[in-house]
C-alpha atoms as a PDB file:
ATOM      1  CA  MET A   1       0.000   0.000   0.000  1.00  0.00           C
ATOM      2  CA  LYS A   2       2.874   2.371   0.816  1.00  0.00           C
ATOM      3  CA  ARG A   3       4.394   1.681  -2.589  1.00  0.00           C
ATOM      4  CA  ILE A   4       1.192   2.591  -4.362  1.00  0.00           C
ATOM      5  CA  ILE A   5       0.844   5.855  -2.417  1.00  0.00           C
ATOM      6  CA  LEU A   6       4.512   6.682  -3.015  1.00  0.00           C
ATOM      7  CA  SER A   7       4.115   5.922  -6.744  1.00  0.00           C
ATOM      8  CA  VAL A   8       1.033   8.143  -6.974  1.00  0.00           C
ATOM      9  CA  ILE A   9       2.849  11.006  -5.218  1.00  0.00           C
ATOM     10  CA  ILE A  10       5.848  10.682  -7.552  1.00  0.00           C
ATOM     11  CA  ILE A  11       3.619  10.640 -10.617  1.00  0.00           C
ATOM     12  CA  LEU A  12       1.668  13.681  -9.405  1.00  0.00           C
ATOM     13  CA  LEU A  13       4.863  15.590  -8.670  1.00  0.00           C
ATOM     14  CA  SER A  14       6.369  14.718 -12.031  1.00  0.00           C
ATOM     15  CA  VAL A  15       3.229  15.859 -13.830  1.00  0.00           C
ATOM     16  CA  THR A  16       2.738  19.125 -11.924  1.00  0.00           C
ATOM     17  CA  VAL A  17       6.063  20.339 -10.499  1.00  0.00           C
ATOM     18  CA  VAL A  18       8.678  19.253 -13.060  1.00  0.00           C
ATOM     19  CA  PRO A  19       7.050  20.969 -16.083  1.00  0.00           C
ATOM     20  CA  THR A  20       6.889  24.261 -14.187  1.00  0.00           C
ATOM     21  CA  LEU A  21      10.618  24.062 -13.516  1.00  0.00           C
ATOM     22  CA  TYR A  22      11.290  23.966 -17.239  1.00  0.00           C
ATOM     23  CA  SER A  23       8.678  26.453 -18.386  1.00  0.00           C
ATOM     24  CA  VAL A  24      10.018  29.309 -20.469  1.00  0.00           C
ATOM     25  CA  THR A  25       9.095  32.845 -19.590  1.00  0.00           C
ATOM     26  CA  GLU A  26       9.656  35.704 -21.980  1.00  0.00           C
ATOM     27  CA  PRO A  27      11.843  38.573 -20.823  1.00  0.00           C
ATOM     28  CA  GLN A  28      10.129  41.817 -19.927  1.00  0.00           C
ATOM     29  CA  SER A  29      12.239  43.874 -22.320  1.00  0.00           C
ATOM     30  CA  VAL A  30      15.042  43.177 -24.721  1.00  0.00           C
ATOM     31  CA  ASP A  31      17.958  45.580 -25.023  1.00  0.00           C
ATOM     32  CA  ILE A  32      19.211  45.277 -28.596  1.00  0.00           C
ATOM     33  CA  GLU A  33      22.284  47.388 -27.880  1.00  0.00           C
ATOM     34  CA  LYS A  34      23.726  44.782 -25.508  1.00  0.00           C
ATOM     35  CA  LYS A  35      22.735  41.734 -27.522  1.00  0.00           C
ATOM     36  CA  GLU A  36      25.378  40.479 -29.934  1.00  0.00           C
ATOM     37  CA  VAL A  37      24.150  40.372 -33.497  1.00  0.00           C
ATOM     38  CA  LEU A  38      24.873  37.108 -35.283  1.00  0.00           C
ATOM     39  CA  TYR A  39      25.965  38.589 -38.572  1.00  0.00           C
ATOM     40  CA  GLN A  40      29.371  37.799 -40.023  1.00  0.00           C
ATOM     41  CA  LEU A  41      31.320  40.736 -41.405  1.00  0.00           C
ATOM     42  CA  PRO A  42      33.651  39.917 -44.302  1.00  0.00           C
ATOM     43  CA  TYR A  43      37.424  39.830 -43.992  1.00  0.00           C
ATOM     44  CA  PRO A  44      38.648  43.437 -44.303  1.00  0.00           C
ATOM     45  CA  GLY A  45      41.597  42.680 -46.581  1.00  0.00           C
ATOM     46  CA  LEU A  46      44.180  45.437 -46.979  1.00  0.00           C
ATOM     47  CA  LEU A  47      44.005  48.176 -44.369  1.00  0.00           C
ATOM     48  CA  PRO A  48      44.606  51.896 -44.896  1.00  0.00           C
ATOM     49  CA  GLY A  49      48.311  52.558 -44.693  1.00  0.00           C
ATOM     50  CA  HIS A  50      49.260  49.521 -46.759  1.00  0.00           C
ATOM     51  CA  PRO A  51      51.112  50.488 -49.961  1.00  0.00           C
ATOM     52  CA  LEU A  52      48.594  48.634 -52.158  1.00  0.00           C
ATOM     53  CA  TYR A  53      45.516  50.042 -50.400  1.00  0.00           C
ATOM     54  CA  ILE A  54      45.035  52.620 -53.162  1.00  0.00           C
ATOM     55  CA  LEU A  55      44.521  49.751 -55.633  1.00  0.00           C
ATOM     56  CA  LYS A  56      41.752  48.378 -53.427  1.00  0.00           C
ATOM     57  CA  ILE A  57      40.013  51.772 -53.424  1.00  0.00           C
ATOM     58  CA  LEU A  58      40.413  52.021 -57.194  1.00  0.00           C
ATOM     59  CA  ARG A  59      38.980  48.517 -57.694  1.00  0.00           C
ATOM     60  CA  ASP A  60      35.971  49.267 -55.460  1.00  0.00           C
ATOM     61  CA  ASN A  61      35.208  52.511 -57.305  1.00  0.00           C
ATOM     62  CA  ILE A  62      35.476  50.790 -60.695  1.00  0.00           C
ATOM     63  CA  LEU A  63      33.098  48.051 -59.514  1.00  0.00           C
ATOM     64  CA  LEU A  64      30.594  50.629 -58.266  1.00  0.00           C
ATOM     65  CA  PHE A  65      30.821  52.616 -61.502  1.00  0.00           C
ATOM     66  CA  THR A  66      30.446  49.640 -63.824  1.00  0.00           C
ATOM     67  CA  THR A  67      27.671  47.831 -61.944  1.00  0.00           C
ATOM     68  CA  ARG A  68      24.399  48.881 -63.581  1.00  0.00           C
ATOM     69  CA  ASP A  69      21.938  46.301 -62.218  1.00  0.00           C
ATOM     70  CA  ASN A  70      20.336  47.879 -59.138  1.00  0.00           C
ATOM     71  CA  LEU A  71      20.075  44.621 -57.189  1.00  0.00           C
ATOM     72  CA  LYS A  72      23.730  43.798 -57.835  1.00  0.00           C
ATOM     73  CA  LYS A  73      24.686  47.379 -56.976  1.00  0.00           C
ATOM     74  CA  SER A  74      22.748  47.142 -53.688  1.00  0.00           C
ATOM     75  CA  LYS A  75      24.523  43.896 -52.846  1.00  0.00           C
ATOM     76  CA  LEU A  76      27.854  45.516 -53.695  1.00  0.00           C
ATOM     77  CA  TYR A  77      27.052  48.515 -51.464  1.00  0.00           C
ATOM     78  CA  LEU A  78      26.200  46.096 -48.646  1.00  0.00           C
ATOM     79  CA  HIS A  79      29.407  44.127 -49.128  1.00  0.00           C
ATOM     80  CA  LEU A  80      31.606  47.228 -49.250  1.00  0.00           C
ATOM     81  CA  SER A  81      29.818  48.764 -46.288  1.00  0.00           C
ATOM     82  CA  ASP A  82      30.375  45.606 -44.262  1.00  0.00           C
ATOM     83  CA  LYS A  83      34.041  45.550 -45.349  1.00  0.00           C
ATOM     84  CA  ASN A  84      34.414  49.121 -44.099  1.00  0.00           C
ATOM     85  CA  MET A  85      32.962  48.050 -40.746  1.00  0.00           C
ATOM     86  CA  ALA A  86      35.375  45.130 -40.521  1.00  0.00           C
ATOM     87  CA  THR A  87      38.235  47.462 -41.456  1.00  0.00           C
ATOM     88  CA  ALA A  88      37.190  49.864 -38.691  1.00  0.00           C
ATOM     89  CA  ILE A  89      37.268  47.035 -36.154  1.00  0.00           C
ATOM     90  CA  ALA A  90      40.779  46.043 -37.251  1.00  0.00           C
ATOM     91  CA  LEU A  91      41.956  49.658 -37.082  1.00  0.00           C
ATOM     92  CA  ILE A  92      40.473  50.210 -33.614  1.00  0.00           C
ATOM     93  CA  ASN A  93      42.287  47.099 -32.426  1.00  0.00           C
ATOM     94  CA  GLU A  94      45.519  48.606 -33.782  1.00  0.00           C
ATOM     95  CA  GLY A  95      44.841  51.884 -31.952  1.00  0.00           C
ATOM     96  CA  LYS A  96      44.156  53.934 -35.099  1.00  0.00           C
ATOM     97  CA  GLU A  97      40.937  55.611 -33.932  1.00  0.00           C
ATOM     98  CA  GLN A  98      40.770  58.455 -36.473  1.00  0.00           C
ATOM     99  CA  THR A  99      41.225  56.175 -39.465  1.00  0.00           C
ATOM    100  CA  ALA A 100      38.690  53.756 -37.996  1.00  0.00           C
ATOM    101  CA  ILE A 101      36.135  56.555 -37.625  1.00  0.00           C
ATOM    102  CA  LYS A 102      36.627  57.484 -41.295  1.00  0.00           C
ATOM    103  CA  GLN A 103      35.918  53.865 -42.223  1.00  0.00           C
ATOM    104  CA  LEU A 104      32.766  53.892 -40.084  1.00  0.00           C
ATOM    105  CA  GLU A 105      31.605  57.062 -41.827  1.00  0.00           C
ATOM    106  CA  LEU A 106      32.215  55.514 -45.242  1.00  0.00           C
ATOM    107  CA  ALA A 107      30.377  52.359 -44.191  1.00  0.00           C
ATOM    108  CA  GLU A 108      27.272  54.274 -43.144  1.00  0.00           C
ATOM    109  CA  GLN A 109      27.385  56.469 -46.272  1.00  0.00           C
ATOM    110  CA  ARG A 110      27.448  53.372 -48.455  1.00  0.00           C
ATOM    111  CA  PHE A 111      24.724  51.673 -46.454  1.00  0.00           C
ATOM    112  CA  LEU A 112      22.462  54.720 -46.869  1.00  0.00           C
ATOM    113  CA  LEU A 113      22.777  54.314 -50.666  1.00  0.00           C
ATOM    114  CA  ILE A 114      21.118  50.890 -50.581  1.00  0.00           C
ATOM    115  CA  PRO A 115      17.442  51.836 -49.926  1.00  0.00           C
ATOM    116  CA  PRO A 116      17.248  54.391 -52.782  1.00  0.00           C
ATOM    117  CA  THR A 117      18.878  51.874 -55.125  1.00  0.00           C
ATOM    118  CA  LEU A 118      16.296  49.242 -54.155  1.00  0.00           C
ATOM    119  CA  GLN A 119      13.476  51.764 -54.604  1.00  0.00           C
ATOM    120  CA  GLU A 120      14.779  52.508 -58.095  1.00  0.00           C
ATOM    121  CA  LEU A 121      14.849  48.770 -58.790  1.00  0.00           C
ATOM    122  CA  LYS A 122      11.218  48.486 -57.728  1.00  0.00           C
ATOM    123  CA  LYS A 123      10.223  51.475 -59.917  1.00  0.00           C
ATOM    124  CA  GLN A 124      11.784  49.701 -62.880  1.00  0.00           C
ATOM    125  CA  GLY A 125       9.658  46.622 -62.165  1.00  0.00           C
ATOM    126  CA  GLY A 126      12.414  44.571 -60.599  1.00  0.00           C
ATOM    127  CA  GLU A 127      12.207  42.495 -57.455  1.00  0.00           C
ATOM    128  CA  TYR A 128      14.603  41.818 -54.631  1.00  0.00           C
ATOM    129  CA  PRO A 129      14.686  38.633 -52.573  1.00  0.00           C
ATOM    130  CA  SER A 130      13.292  38.759 -49.044  1.00  0.00           C
ATOM    131  CA  ASP A 131      16.432  37.119 -47.662  1.00  0.00           C
ATOM    132  CA  PHE A 132      18.418  40.123 -48.926  1.00  0.00           C
ATOM    133  CA  ILE A 133      16.173  42.416 -46.883  1.00  0.00           C
ATOM    134  CA  ILE A 134      16.794  40.211 -43.841  1.00  0.00           C
ATOM    135  CA  ASP A 135      20.542  40.501 -44.492  1.00  0.00           C
ATOM    136  CA  LEU A 136      20.187  44.277 -44.684  1.00  0.00           C
ATOM    137  CA  HIS A 137      18.433  44.413 -41.318  1.00  0.00           C
ATOM    138  CA  GLN A 138      21.037  42.179 -39.705  1.00  0.00           C
ATOM    139  CA  SER A 139      23.863  44.200 -41.215  1.00  0.00           C
ATOM    140  CA  ASN A 140      22.275  47.420 -39.958  1.00  0.00           C
ATOM    141  CA  GLN A 141      22.076  45.972 -36.446  1.00  0.00           C
ATOM    142  CA  LYS A 142      25.687  44.782 -36.667  1.00  0.00           C
ATOM    143  CA  HIS A 143      26.780  48.267 -37.753  1.00  0.00           C
ATOM    144  CA  ARG A 144      24.999  49.730 -34.724  1.00  0.00           C
ATOM    145  CA  GLU A 145      26.730  47.194 -32.496  1.00  0.00           C
ATOM    146  CA  VAL A 146      30.166  48.032 -33.930  1.00  0.00           C
ATOM    147  CA  ILE A 147      29.645  51.798 -33.635  1.00  0.00           C
ATOM    148  CA  THR A 148      28.479  51.392 -30.039  1.00  0.00           C
ATOM    149  CA  GLU A 149      31.527  49.266 -29.278  1.00  0.00           C
ATOM    150  CA  VAL A 150      33.845  51.836 -30.845  1.00  0.00           C
ATOM    151  CA  ILE A 151      32.290  54.617 -28.732  1.00  0.00           C
ATOM    152  CA  SER A 152      33.688  52.921 -25.633  1.00  0.00           C
ATOM    153  CA  LYS A 153      37.200  52.891 -27.137  1.00  0.00           C
ATOM    154  CA  VAL A 154      37.637  56.469 -28.361  1.00  0.00           C
ATOM    155  CA  THR A 155      38.298  59.817 -26.728  1.00  0.00           C
ATOM    156  CA  GLU A 156      35.582  62.265 -25.676  1.00  0.00           C
ATOM    157  CA  SER A 157      36.141  64.483 -28.724  1.00  0.00           C
ATOM    158  CA  ASP A 158      35.185  61.655 -31.125  1.00  0.00           C
ATOM    159  CA  ILE A 159      31.947  60.678 -29.407  1.00  0.00           C
ATOM    160  CA  ASP A 160      29.896  63.373 -31.196  1.00  0.00           C
ATOM    161  CA  VAL A 161      30.924  61.997 -34.603  1.00  0.00           C
ATOM    162  CA  LEU A 162      29.996  58.470 -33.536  1.00  0.00           C
ATOM    163  CA  ASN A 163      26.647  59.624 -32.155  1.00  0.00           C
ATOM    164  CA  GLU A 164      25.975  61.183 -35.557  1.00  0.00           C
ATOM    165  CA  LEU A 165      26.799  57.824 -37.139  1.00  0.00           C
ATOM    166  CA  LEU A 166      24.293  56.160 -34.805  1.00  0.00           C
ATOM    167  CA  LYS A 167      21.683  58.650 -36.059  1.00  0.00           C
ATOM    168  CA  GLN A 168      22.541  57.743 -39.648  1.00  0.00           C
ATOM    169  CA  ASN A 169      22.241  54.081 -38.710  1.00  0.00           C
ATOM    170  CA  LYS A 170      18.773  54.747 -37.266  1.00  0.00           C
ATOM    171  CA  GLN A 171      17.864  56.649 -40.439  1.00  0.00           C
ATOM    172  CA  ALA A 172      18.961  53.676 -42.539  1.00  0.00           C
ATOM    173  CA  GLU A 173      16.817  51.405 -40.367  1.00  0.00           C
ATOM    174  CA  GLY A 174      13.801  53.623 -41.063  1.00  0.00           C
ATOM    175  CA  LEU A 175      14.487  53.574 -44.794  1.00  0.00           C
ATOM    176  CA  LEU A 176      14.701  49.790 -44.721  1.00  0.00           C
ATOM    177  CA  GLN A 177      11.289  49.610 -43.050  1.00  0.00           C
ATOM    178  CA  LYS A 178       9.810  51.614 -45.939  1.00  0.00           C
ATOM    179  CA  ILE A 179      11.077  49.320 -48.701  1.00  0.00           C
ATOM    180  CA  GLN A 180       9.599  46.104 -47.364  1.00  0.00           C
END
């Protein structure tokens, strides 16, 4: 009789108590700024200061000039923008803050060229894949994460420039919302 009662108690506990131990509750609020974005930036390649860096700049400008398809141009802007972000990270790690900030500015300028290019594509009757839009959102969040990280590594005088870049990043996010 004791075994039956003990078995019933164990079964009741396993049915009522154990599931509540493993229940998932949603957080009250999510802070995107502190959450790491799972978006892989490309390898930066040659950094400013390298003797062949000018050839890299020349190549990028030729690619931008000769690319006429708006979807391909948007993808190229995204790739180059992400490369500028990766370059900025490498430069910050080397202690070259001013050059890194210039790369961040270039990255955001290029990223802001993507939404108008996609709008032009749509006007011309073209389509863009939804996974590209997802990539754009993730890249935008990664850019925000990198800029925020750089803010903690620069001097007080550079913080205003980086705050302006965060505003541009927010502007790009708004433009991306409009093209969906």
